[in-house]
C-alpha atoms as a PDB file:
ATOM      1  CA  MET A   1      93.669 103.783  98.244  1.00  0.00           C
ATOM      2  CA  SER A   2      91.509 104.042  95.151  1.00  0.00           C
ATOM      3  CA  PRO A   3      92.854 105.687  92.022  1.00  0.00           C
ATOM      4  CA  LEU A   4      91.983 109.236  91.122  1.00  0.00           C
ATOM      5  CA  ARG A   5      88.440 109.674  89.830  1.00  0.00           C
ATOM      6  CA  ARG A   6      86.414 112.539  88.383  1.00  0.00           C
ATOM      7  CA  ILE A   7      83.999 113.939  90.920  1.00  0.00           C
ATOM      8  CA  ARG A   8      80.291 113.667  90.269  1.00  0.00           C
ATOM      9  CA  PRO A   9      78.013 116.732  89.965  1.00  0.00           C
ATOM     10  CA  ALA A  10      76.390 115.864  93.292  1.00  0.00           C
ATOM     11  CA  GLU A  11      79.801 116.293  94.981  1.00  0.00           C
ATOM     12  CA  PHE A  12      80.367 119.926  94.004  1.00  0.00           C
ATOM     13  CA  GLU A  13      78.769 121.229  97.211  1.00  0.00           C
ATOM     14  CA  ARG A  14      81.117 119.084  99.311  1.00  0.00           C
ATOM     15  CA  LEU A  15      84.097 120.227  97.243  1.00  0.00           C
ATOM     16  CA  ALA A  16      83.039 123.874  97.620  1.00  0.00           C
ATOM     17  CA  ALA A  17      82.712 123.463 101.397  1.00  0.00           C
ATOM     18  CA  ALA A  18      86.171 121.844 101.619  1.00  0.00           C
ATOM     19  CA  LEU A  19      87.726 124.665  99.589  1.00  0.00           C
ATOM     20  CA  GLU A  20      85.972 127.427 101.522  1.00  0.00           C
ATOM     21  CA  ALA A  21      87.056 125.851 104.831  1.00  0.00           C
ATOM     22  CA  GLU A  22      90.665 126.294 103.675  1.00  0.00           C
ATOM     23  CA  GLY A  23      90.152 129.820 102.304  1.00  0.00           C
ATOM     24  CA  LEU A  24      90.406 128.663  98.682  1.00  0.00           C
ATOM     25  CA  PRO A  25      88.195 130.049  95.898  1.00  0.00           C
ATOM     26  CA  ALA A  26      85.103 128.062  94.997  1.00  0.00           C
ATOM     27  CA  ASP A  27      83.146 130.556  92.890  1.00  0.00           C
ATOM     28  CA  ASP A  28      83.932 129.024  89.499  1.00  0.00           C
ATOM     29  CA  LEU A  29      83.783 125.301  90.179  1.00  0.00           C
ATOM     30  CA  CYS A  30      81.144 124.524  87.575  1.00  0.00           C
ATOM     31  CA  TYR A  31      82.924 126.150  84.606  1.00  0.00           C
ATOM     32  CA  ALA A  32      83.227 123.757  81.685  1.00  0.00           C
ATOM     33  CA  THR A  33      87.005 124.334  81.567  1.00  0.00           C
ATOM     34  CA  ASN A  34      87.440 122.730  84.999  1.00  0.00           C
ATOM     35  CA  ARG A  35      87.919 119.059  85.844  1.00  0.00           C
ATOM     36  CA  PHE A  36      87.871 118.078  89.497  1.00  0.00           C
ATOM     37  CA  TYR A  37      89.161 114.835  90.937  1.00  0.00           C
ATOM     38  CA  ALA A  38      89.018 112.977  94.243  1.00  0.00           C
ATOM     39  CA  LEU A  39      91.081 110.295  95.938  1.00  0.00           C
ATOM     40  CA  GLU A  40      89.079 107.840  98.007  1.00  0.00           C
ATOM     41  CA  GLU A  41      89.737 105.096 100.500  1.00  0.00           C
ATOM     42  CA  ASP A  42      86.942 102.774 101.577  1.00  0.00           C
ATOM     43  CA  GLY A  43      84.349 105.226 100.262  1.00  0.00           C
ATOM     44  CA  GLU A  44      85.824 108.209 102.143  1.00  0.00           C
ATOM     45  CA  VAL A  45      87.144 111.150 100.117  1.00  0.00           C
ATOM     46  CA  LEU A  46      90.725 111.875 101.200  1.00  0.00           C
ATOM     47  CA  GLY A  47      91.247 114.983  99.103  1.00  0.00           C
ATOM     48  CA  TYR A  48      90.424 116.907  95.960  1.00  0.00           C
ATOM     49  CA  ALA A  49      92.354 118.588  93.167  1.00  0.00           C
ATOM     50  CA  GLY A  50      91.392 120.306  89.943  1.00  0.00           C
ATOM     51  CA  LEU A  51      92.738 120.901  86.470  1.00  0.00           C
ATOM     52  CA  GLU A  52      91.584 123.911  84.492  1.00  0.00           C
ATOM     53  CA  ARG A  53      92.244 123.853  80.754  1.00  0.00           C
ATOM     54  CA  ARG A  54      91.993 127.090  78.771  1.00  0.00           C
ATOM     55  CA  GLU A  55      93.431 128.061  75.414  1.00  0.00           C
ATOM     56  CA  GLY A  56      96.001 125.268  75.442  1.00  0.00           C
ATOM     57  CA  ALA A  57      97.171 125.989  78.991  1.00  0.00           C
ATOM     58  CA  ALA A  58      96.707 123.846  82.094  1.00  0.00           C
ATOM     59  CA  LEU A  59      96.235 125.211  85.606  1.00  0.00           C
ATOM     60  CA  LEU A  60      96.449 123.000  88.705  1.00  0.00           C
ATOM     61  CA  ARG A  61      93.951 124.264  91.218  1.00  0.00           C
ATOM     62  CA  SER A  62      91.932 123.542  94.290  1.00  0.00           C
ATOM     63  CA  VAL A  63      94.258 121.015  95.927  1.00  0.00           C
ATOM     64  CA  VAL A  64      92.690 120.384  99.312  1.00  0.00           C
ATOM     65  CA  VAL A  65      93.328 117.689 101.910  1.00  0.00           C
ATOM     66  CA  PRO A  66      91.604 117.757 105.320  1.00  0.00           C
ATOM     67  CA  PRO A  67      93.969 118.868 108.119  1.00  0.00           C
ATOM     68  CA  GLU A  68      93.829 115.473 109.841  1.00  0.00           C
ATOM     69  CA  ARG A  69      95.014 113.774 106.614  1.00  0.00           C
ATOM     70  CA  ARG A  70      97.944 116.084 105.860  1.00  0.00           C
ATOM     71  CA  ARG A  71     101.551 114.903 105.911  1.00  0.00           C
ATOM     72  CA  SER A  72     100.428 111.482 104.729  1.00  0.00           C
ATOM     73  CA  GLY A  73     101.303 111.799 101.029  1.00  0.00           C
ATOM     74  CA  ILE A  74      97.728 112.380  99.865  1.00  0.00           C
ATOM     75  CA  GLY A  75      98.470 115.863  98.512  1.00  0.00           C
ATOM     76  CA  ARG A  76     101.468 114.577  96.565  1.00  0.00           C
ATOM     77  CA  ARG A  77      99.388 111.699  95.150  1.00  0.00           C
ATOM     78  CA  LEU A  78      96.646 114.113  94.114  1.00  0.00           C
ATOM     79  CA  VAL A  79      99.076 116.481  92.410  1.00  0.00           C
ATOM     80  CA  GLU A  80     100.979 113.714  90.631  1.00  0.00           C
ATOM     81  CA  ALA A  81      97.745 112.099  89.445  1.00  0.00           C
ATOM     82  CA  VAL A  82      96.432 115.405  88.068  1.00  0.00           C
ATOM     83  CA  LEU A  83      99.787 116.054  86.358  1.00  0.00           C
ATOM     84  CA  THR A  84      99.517 112.605  84.782  1.00  0.00           C
ATOM     85  CA  GLN A  85      96.061 113.574  83.512  1.00  0.00           C
ATOM     86  CA  ALA A  86      97.442 116.848  82.120  1.00  0.00           C
ATOM     87  CA  ALA A  87     100.218 114.992  80.292  1.00  0.00           C
ATOM     88  CA  ALA A  88      97.727 112.443  78.935  1.00  0.00           C
ATOM     89  CA  LEU A  89      95.659 115.370  77.636  1.00  0.00           C
ATOM     90  CA  GLY A  90      98.726 116.682  75.784  1.00  0.00           C
ATOM     91  CA  HIS A  91      99.965 119.428  78.098  1.00  0.00           C
ATOM     92  CA  GLY A  92     103.726 119.920  78.391  1.00  0.00           C
ATOM     93  CA  GLU A  93     103.522 122.136  81.458  1.00  0.00           C
ATOM     94  CA  VAL A  94     101.125 122.953  84.263  1.00  0.00           C
ATOM     95  CA  HIS A  95     100.818 126.243  86.137  1.00  0.00           C
ATOM     96  CA  LEU A  96      99.327 127.118  89.516  1.00  0.00           C
ATOM     97  CA  LEU A  97      98.689 130.141  91.701  1.00  0.00           C
ATOM     98  CA  THR A  98      99.199 130.056  95.461  1.00  0.00           C
ATOM     99  CA  MET A  99      99.203 132.467  98.369  1.00  0.00           C
ATOM    100  CA  THR A 100     100.612 130.163 101.031  1.00  0.00           C
ATOM    101  CA  ALA A 101     101.893 126.889  99.590  1.00  0.00           C
ATOM    102  CA  ALA A 102     104.785 127.863  97.281  1.00  0.00           C
ATOM    103  CA  PRO A 103     107.394 125.941  99.349  1.00  0.00           C
ATOM    104  CA  TYR A 104     105.214 122.818  99.238  1.00  0.00           C
ATOM    105  CA  PHE A 105     104.806 123.004  95.468  1.00  0.00           C
ATOM    106  CA  GLU A 106     108.531 123.665  95.023  1.00  0.00           C
ATOM    107  CA  ARG A 107     109.156 120.322  96.734  1.00  0.00           C
ATOM    108  CA  LEU A 108     106.880 118.782  94.085  1.00  0.00           C
ATOM    109  CA  GLY A 109     108.983 120.207  91.253  1.00  0.00           C
ATOM    110  CA  PHE A 110     107.195 123.495  90.545  1.00  0.00           C
ATOM    111  CA  GLU A 111     109.207 126.671  90.052  1.00  0.00           C
ATOM    112  CA  ARG A 112     108.207 130.263  90.744  1.00  0.00           C
ATOM    113  CA  ILE A 113     107.862 132.376  87.612  1.00  0.00           C
ATOM    114  CA  PRO A 114     106.924 136.035  87.025  1.00  0.00           C
ATOM    115  CA  ARG A 115     103.197 136.633  86.602  1.00  0.00           C
ATOM    116  CA  ALA A 116     103.988 138.512  83.391  1.00  0.00           C
ATOM    117  CA  SER A 117     105.159 135.227  81.839  1.00  0.00           C
ATOM    118  CA  ALA A 118     101.790 133.486  82.293  1.00  0.00           C
ATOM    119  CA  PRO A 119     100.478 131.940  79.076  1.00  0.00           C
ATOM    120  CA  ALA A 120      97.300 133.551  77.726  1.00  0.00           C
ATOM    121  CA  GLY A 121      95.097 130.687  78.918  1.00  0.00           C
ATOM    122  CA  VAL A 122      96.334 131.086  82.498  1.00  0.00           C
ATOM    123  CA  ALA A 123      96.336 134.903  82.413  1.00  0.00           C
ATOM    124  CA  GLY A 124      92.728 134.856  81.204  1.00  0.00           C
ATOM    125  CA  SER A 125      91.478 132.460  83.876  1.00  0.00           C
ATOM    126  CA  ALA A 126      89.227 133.558  86.724  1.00  0.00           C
ATOM    127  CA  GLN A 127      91.909 132.278  89.116  1.00  0.00           C
ATOM    128  CA  PHE A 128      94.432 134.725  87.657  1.00  0.00           C
ATOM    129  CA  THR A 129      92.158 137.704  86.987  1.00  0.00           C
ATOM    130  CA  THR A 130      89.753 137.812  89.922  1.00  0.00           C
ATOM    131  CA  LEU A 131      89.847 134.902  92.379  1.00  0.00           C
ATOM    132  CA  CYS A 132      93.506 135.059  93.443  1.00  0.00           C
ATOM    133  CA  PRO A 133      95.010 138.419  94.422  1.00  0.00           C
ATOM    134  CA  GLY A 134      97.846 139.968  92.438  1.00  0.00           C
ATOM    135  CA  SER A 135     100.210 138.935  95.231  1.00  0.00           C
ATOM    136  CA  ALA A 136      99.591 135.218  94.546  1.00  0.00           C
ATOM    137  CA  VAL A 137     102.715 133.388  93.375  1.00  0.00           C
ATOM    138  CA  LEU A 138     102.599 131.938  89.859  1.00  0.00           C
ATOM    139  CA  MET A 139     104.383 128.602  89.520  1.00  0.00           C
ATOM    140  CA  ARG A 140     105.066 126.181  86.679  1.00  0.00           C
ATOM    141  CA  ARG A 141     106.099 122.573  86.328  1.00  0.00           C
ATOM    142  CA  CYS A 142     107.341 121.384  82.965  1.00  0.00           C
ATOM    143  CA  LEU A 143     106.128 117.879  82.277  1.00  0.00           C
ATOM    144  CA  ALA A 144     108.256 117.276  79.194  1.00  0.00           C
ATOM    145  CA  ARG A 145     111.483 117.237  81.256  1.00  0.00           C
ATOM    146  CA  GLU A 146     110.357 114.399  83.439  1.00  0.00           C
ATOM    147  CA  PRO A 147     111.815 110.930  82.959  1.00  0.00           C
ATOM    148  CA  VAL A 148     109.556 108.268  81.520  1.00  0.00           C
ATOM    149  CA  SER A 149     106.148 109.678  82.336  1.00  0.00           C
ATOM    150  CA  ALA A 150     103.457 107.678  84.015  1.00  0.00           C
ATOM    151  CA  ALA A 151     101.182 109.209  81.391  1.00  0.00           C
ATOM    152  CA  GLN A 152     102.792 107.304  78.542  1.00  0.00           C
ATOM    153  CA  GLY A 153     100.356 104.812  77.197  1.00  0.00           C
ATOM    154  CA  ARG A 154      97.582 106.016  79.517  1.00  0.00           C
ATOM    155  CA  ARG A 155      94.388 107.662  78.469  1.00  0.00           C
ATOM    156  CA  PRO A 156      92.943 110.581  80.417  1.00  0.00           C
ATOM    157  CA  LEU A 157      89.950 109.929  82.629  1.00  0.00           C
ATOM    158  CA  PRO A 158      86.676 110.357  80.719  1.00  0.00           C
ATOM    159  CA  ALA A 159      85.188 113.835  80.571  1.00  0.00           C
END
């Protein structure tokens, strides 16, 4: 499997279609605060994930793996790779919003937190204010508590 790579502008339509097929928001994909990544194998995209950075906060978003590829570790690899990018960019924690996948993200080390405790950068995001309903669960994973991080000595992928 190839390492994580930034998606190219020509891929945004494919990403949007993958997100919409899973009922995930795709209205703000082209915002400058968003970075989207793909995992590939033999030229085939296995899944996507995004990292939104606003006002010093990091928001994991748009994790999508085709149904036929689920339960194969691709989602975990995507999330871990994006968390490594967040750490390399200087973030000590990453947040996310989810309607249906809280148990999955708990298995990946995220914890549920009250929406009122969202940092300003997360609370001001389109995900938080308009794209995800108020019933979406806010979660956080602290990166600083992790043992020796894979991000140490690594540079983030180019912008």
